[in-house]
Amino acid sequence: MGNSTGSMFYIFAIFIGLYLIGVIGYQLYKLIRKLLNK
């Protein structure tokens, strides 16, 4: 665990992944609610 830049990049990649999942999930949630409200 001596490579601090590698672990920093790993944490950053996980953060970006979670953010994208949240954004996509929110868009799908709005789309499904719009379809169910018909």
PDB file of N, CA and C in Angstrom:
ATOM      1  N   MET A   1       0.836  -1.206   0.000  1.00  0.00           N
ATOM      2  CA  MET A   1       0.000   0.000   0.000  1.00  0.00           C
ATOM      3  C   MET A   1       0.867   1.251   0.000  1.00  0.00           C
ATOM      4  N   GLY A   2       2.057   1.182  -0.555  1.00  0.00           N
ATOM      5  CA  GLY A   2       2.931   2.339  -0.564  1.00  0.00           C
ATOM      6  C   GLY A   2       2.598   3.303  -1.691  1.00  0.00           C
ATOM      7  N   ASN A   3       1.847   2.840  -2.684  1.00  0.00           N
ATOM      8  CA  ASN A   3       1.522   3.683  -3.831  1.00  0.00           C
ATOM      9  C   ASN A   3       0.280   4.513  -3.508  1.00  0.00           C
ATOM     10  N   SER A   4       0.484   5.720  -3.012  1.00  0.00           N
ATOM     11  CA  SER A   4      -0.648   6.545  -2.598  1.00  0.00           C
ATOM     12  C   SER A   4      -1.424   7.066  -3.809  1.00  0.00           C
ATOM     13  N   THR A   5      -0.735   7.332  -4.922  1.00  0.00           N
ATOM     14  CA  THR A   5      -1.425   7.854  -6.099  1.00  0.00           C
ATOM     15  C   THR A   5      -2.357   6.795  -6.667  1.00  0.00           C
ATOM     16  N   GLY A   6      -1.961   5.537  -6.611  1.00  0.00           N
ATOM     17  CA  GLY A   6      -2.801   4.459  -7.128  1.00  0.00           C
ATOM     18  C   GLY A   6      -4.074   4.325  -6.314  1.00  0.00           C
ATOM     19  N   SER A   7      -3.950   4.377  -4.985  1.00  0.00           N
ATOM     20  CA  SER A   7      -5.136   4.250  -4.137  1.00  0.00           C
ATOM     21  C   SER A   7      -6.030   5.478  -4.285  1.00  0.00           C
ATOM     22  N   MET A   8      -5.437   6.646  -4.467  1.00  0.00           N
ATOM     23  CA  MET A   8      -6.229   7.858  -4.678  1.00  0.00           C
ATOM     24  C   MET A   8      -7.046   7.728  -5.958  1.00  0.00           C
ATOM     25  N   PHE A   9      -6.415   7.233  -7.024  1.00  0.00           N
ATOM     26  CA  PHE A   9      -7.122   7.053  -8.291  1.00  0.00           C
ATOM     27  C   PHE A   9      -8.233   6.026  -8.133  1.00  0.00           C
ATOM     28  N   TYR A  10      -7.977   4.962  -7.360  1.00  0.00           N
ATOM     29  CA  TYR A  10      -8.968   3.910  -7.146  1.00  0.00           C
ATOM     30  C   TYR A  10     -10.198   4.468  -6.431  1.00  0.00           C
ATOM     31  N   ILE A  11      -9.964   5.266  -5.388  1.00  0.00           N
ATOM     32  CA  ILE A  11     -11.076   5.885  -4.653  1.00  0.00           C
ATOM     33  C   ILE A  11     -11.833   6.851  -5.564  1.00  0.00           C
ATOM     34  N   PHE A  12     -11.113   7.606  -6.377  1.00  0.00           N
ATOM     35  CA  PHE A  12     -11.740   8.559  -7.289  1.00  0.00           C
ATOM     36  C   PHE A  12     -12.597   7.837  -8.320  1.00  0.00           C
ATOM     37  N   ALA A  13     -12.095   6.703  -8.835  1.00  0.00           N
ATOM     38  CA  ALA A  13     -12.847   5.927  -9.827  1.00  0.00           C
ATOM     39  C   ALA A  13     -14.131   5.377  -9.208  1.00  0.00           C
ATOM     40  N   ILE A  14     -14.053   4.915  -7.970  1.00  0.00           N
ATOM     41  CA  ILE A  14     -15.248   4.404  -7.290  1.00  0.00           C
ATOM     42  C   ILE A  14     -16.263   5.534  -7.093  1.00  0.00           C
ATOM     43  N   PHE A  15     -15.779   6.717  -6.717  1.00  0.00           N
ATOM     44  CA  PHE A  15     -16.664   7.864  -6.502  1.00  0.00           C
ATOM     45  C   PHE A  15     -17.384   8.237  -7.799  1.00  0.00           C
ATOM     46  N   ILE A  16     -16.644   8.270  -8.922  1.00  0.00           N
ATOM     47  CA  ILE A  16     -17.253   8.587 -10.216  1.00  0.00           C
ATOM     48  C   ILE A  16     -18.287   7.529 -10.586  1.00  0.00           C
ATOM     49  N   GLY A  17     -17.953   6.260 -10.345  1.00  0.00           N
ATOM     50  CA  GLY A  17     -18.880   5.168 -10.670  1.00  0.00           C
ATOM     51  C   GLY A  17     -20.178   5.286  -9.884  1.00  0.00           C
ATOM     52  N   LEU A  18     -20.068   5.559  -8.594  1.00  0.00           N
ATOM     53  CA  LEU A  18     -21.268   5.695  -7.766  1.00  0.00           C
ATOM     54  C   LEU A  18     -22.096   6.897  -8.212  1.00  0.00           C
ATOM     55  N   TYR A  19     -21.426   7.981  -8.596  1.00  0.00           N
ATOM     56  CA  TYR A  19     -22.138   9.172  -9.053  1.00  0.00           C
ATOM     57  C   TYR A  19     -22.918   8.883 -10.334  1.00  0.00           C
ATOM     58  N   LEU A  20     -22.267   8.174 -11.282  1.00  0.00           N
ATOM     59  CA  LEU A  20     -22.945   7.846 -12.534  1.00  0.00           C
ATOM     60  C   LEU A  20     -24.130   6.921 -12.285  1.00  0.00           C
ATOM     61  N   ILE A  21     -23.954   5.941 -11.388  1.00  0.00           N
ATOM     62  CA  ILE A  21     -25.058   5.031 -11.072  1.00  0.00           C
ATOM     63  C   ILE A  21     -26.230   5.817 -10.470  1.00  0.00           C
ATOM     64  N   GLY A  22     -25.913   6.782  -9.617  1.00  0.00           N
ATOM     65  CA  GLY A  22     -26.964   7.588  -9.008  1.00  0.00           C
ATOM     66  C   GLY A  22     -27.707   8.424 -10.044  1.00  0.00           C
ATOM     67  N   VAL A  23     -26.980   9.046 -10.959  1.00  0.00           N
ATOM     68  CA  VAL A  23     -27.608   9.883 -11.983  1.00  0.00           C
ATOM     69  C   VAL A  23     -28.478   9.037 -12.905  1.00  0.00           C
ATOM     70  N   ILE A  24     -27.941   7.910 -13.372  1.00  0.00           N
ATOM     71  CA  ILE A  24     -28.699   7.043 -14.279  1.00  0.00           C
ATOM     72  C   ILE A  24     -29.916   6.465 -13.559  1.00  0.00           C
ATOM     73  N   GLY A  25     -29.729   6.059 -12.303  1.00  0.00           N
ATOM     74  CA  GLY A  25     -30.850   5.517 -11.539  1.00  0.00           C
ATOM     75  C   GLY A  25     -31.951   6.554 -11.353  1.00  0.00           C
ATOM     76  N   TYR A  26     -31.574   7.794 -11.115  1.00  0.00           N
ATOM     77  CA  TYR A  26     -32.560   8.857 -10.929  1.00  0.00           C
ATOM     78  C   TYR A  26     -33.326   9.118 -12.224  1.00  0.00           C
ATOM     79  N   GLN A  27     -32.633   9.090 -13.362  1.00  0.00           N
ATOM     80  CA  GLN A  27     -33.299   9.291 -14.648  1.00  0.00           C
ATOM     81  C   GLN A  27     -34.281   8.155 -14.920  1.00  0.00           C
ATOM     82  N   LEU A  28     -33.871   6.920 -14.626  1.00  0.00           N
ATOM     83  CA  LEU A  28     -34.771   5.777 -14.825  1.00  0.00           C
ATOM     84  C   LEU A  28     -35.974   5.884 -13.895  1.00  0.00           C
ATOM     85  N   TYR A  29     -35.750   6.330 -12.669  1.00  0.00           N
ATOM     86  CA  TYR A  29     -36.834   6.476 -11.700  1.00  0.00           C
ATOM     87  C   TYR A  29     -37.870   7.488 -12.196  1.00  0.00           C
ATOM     88  N   LYS A  30     -37.400   8.632 -12.733  1.00  0.00           N
ATOM     89  CA  LYS A  30     -38.324   9.635 -13.252  1.00  0.00           C
ATOM     90  C   LYS A  30     -39.079   9.089 -14.458  1.00  0.00           C
ATOM     91  N   LEU A  31     -38.381   8.347 -15.328  1.00  0.00           N
ATOM     92  CA  LEU A  31     -39.018   7.796 -16.523  1.00  0.00           C
ATOM     93  C   LEU A  31     -40.097   6.795 -16.136  1.00  0.00           C
ATOM     94  N   ILE A  32     -39.801   5.919 -15.182  1.00  0.00           N
ATOM     95  CA  ILE A  32     -40.777   4.913 -14.755  1.00  0.00           C
ATOM     96  C   ILE A  32     -41.982   5.586 -14.097  1.00  0.00           C
ATOM     97  N   ARG A  33     -41.746   6.603 -13.285  1.00  0.00           N
ATOM     98  CA  ARG A  33     -42.870   7.301 -12.654  1.00  0.00           C
ATOM     99  C   ARG A  33     -43.740   7.968 -13.708  1.00  0.00           C
ATOM    100  N   LYS A  34     -43.121   8.513 -14.756  1.00  0.00           N
ATOM    101  CA  LYS A  34     -43.893   9.155 -15.813  1.00  0.00           C
ATOM    102  C   LYS A  34     -44.749   8.128 -16.545  1.00  0.00           C
ATOM    103  N   LEU A  35     -44.188   6.933 -16.761  1.00  0.00           N
ATOM    104  CA  LEU A  35     -44.948   5.889 -17.446  1.00  0.00           C
ATOM    105  C   LEU A  35     -46.086   5.375 -16.568  1.00  0.00           C
ATOM    106  N   LEU A  36     -45.858   5.285 -15.260  1.00  0.00           N
ATOM    107  CA  LEU A  36     -46.889   4.753 -14.363  1.00  0.00           C
ATOM    108  C   LEU A  36     -48.006   5.761 -14.123  1.00  0.00           C
ATOM    109  N   ASN A  37     -47.736   7.046 -14.330  1.00  0.00           N
ATOM    110  CA  ASN A  37     -48.751   8.062 -14.055  1.00  0.00           C
ATOM    111  C   ASN A  37     -49.757   8.204 -15.187  1.00  0.00           C
ATOM    112  N   LYS A  38     -49.563   7.483 -16.277  1.00  0.00           N
ATOM    113  CA  LYS A  38     -50.500   7.603 -17.405  1.00  0.00           C
ATOM    114  C   LYS A  38     -51.855   7.008 -17.032  1.00  0.00           C
TER     115      LYS A  38
END
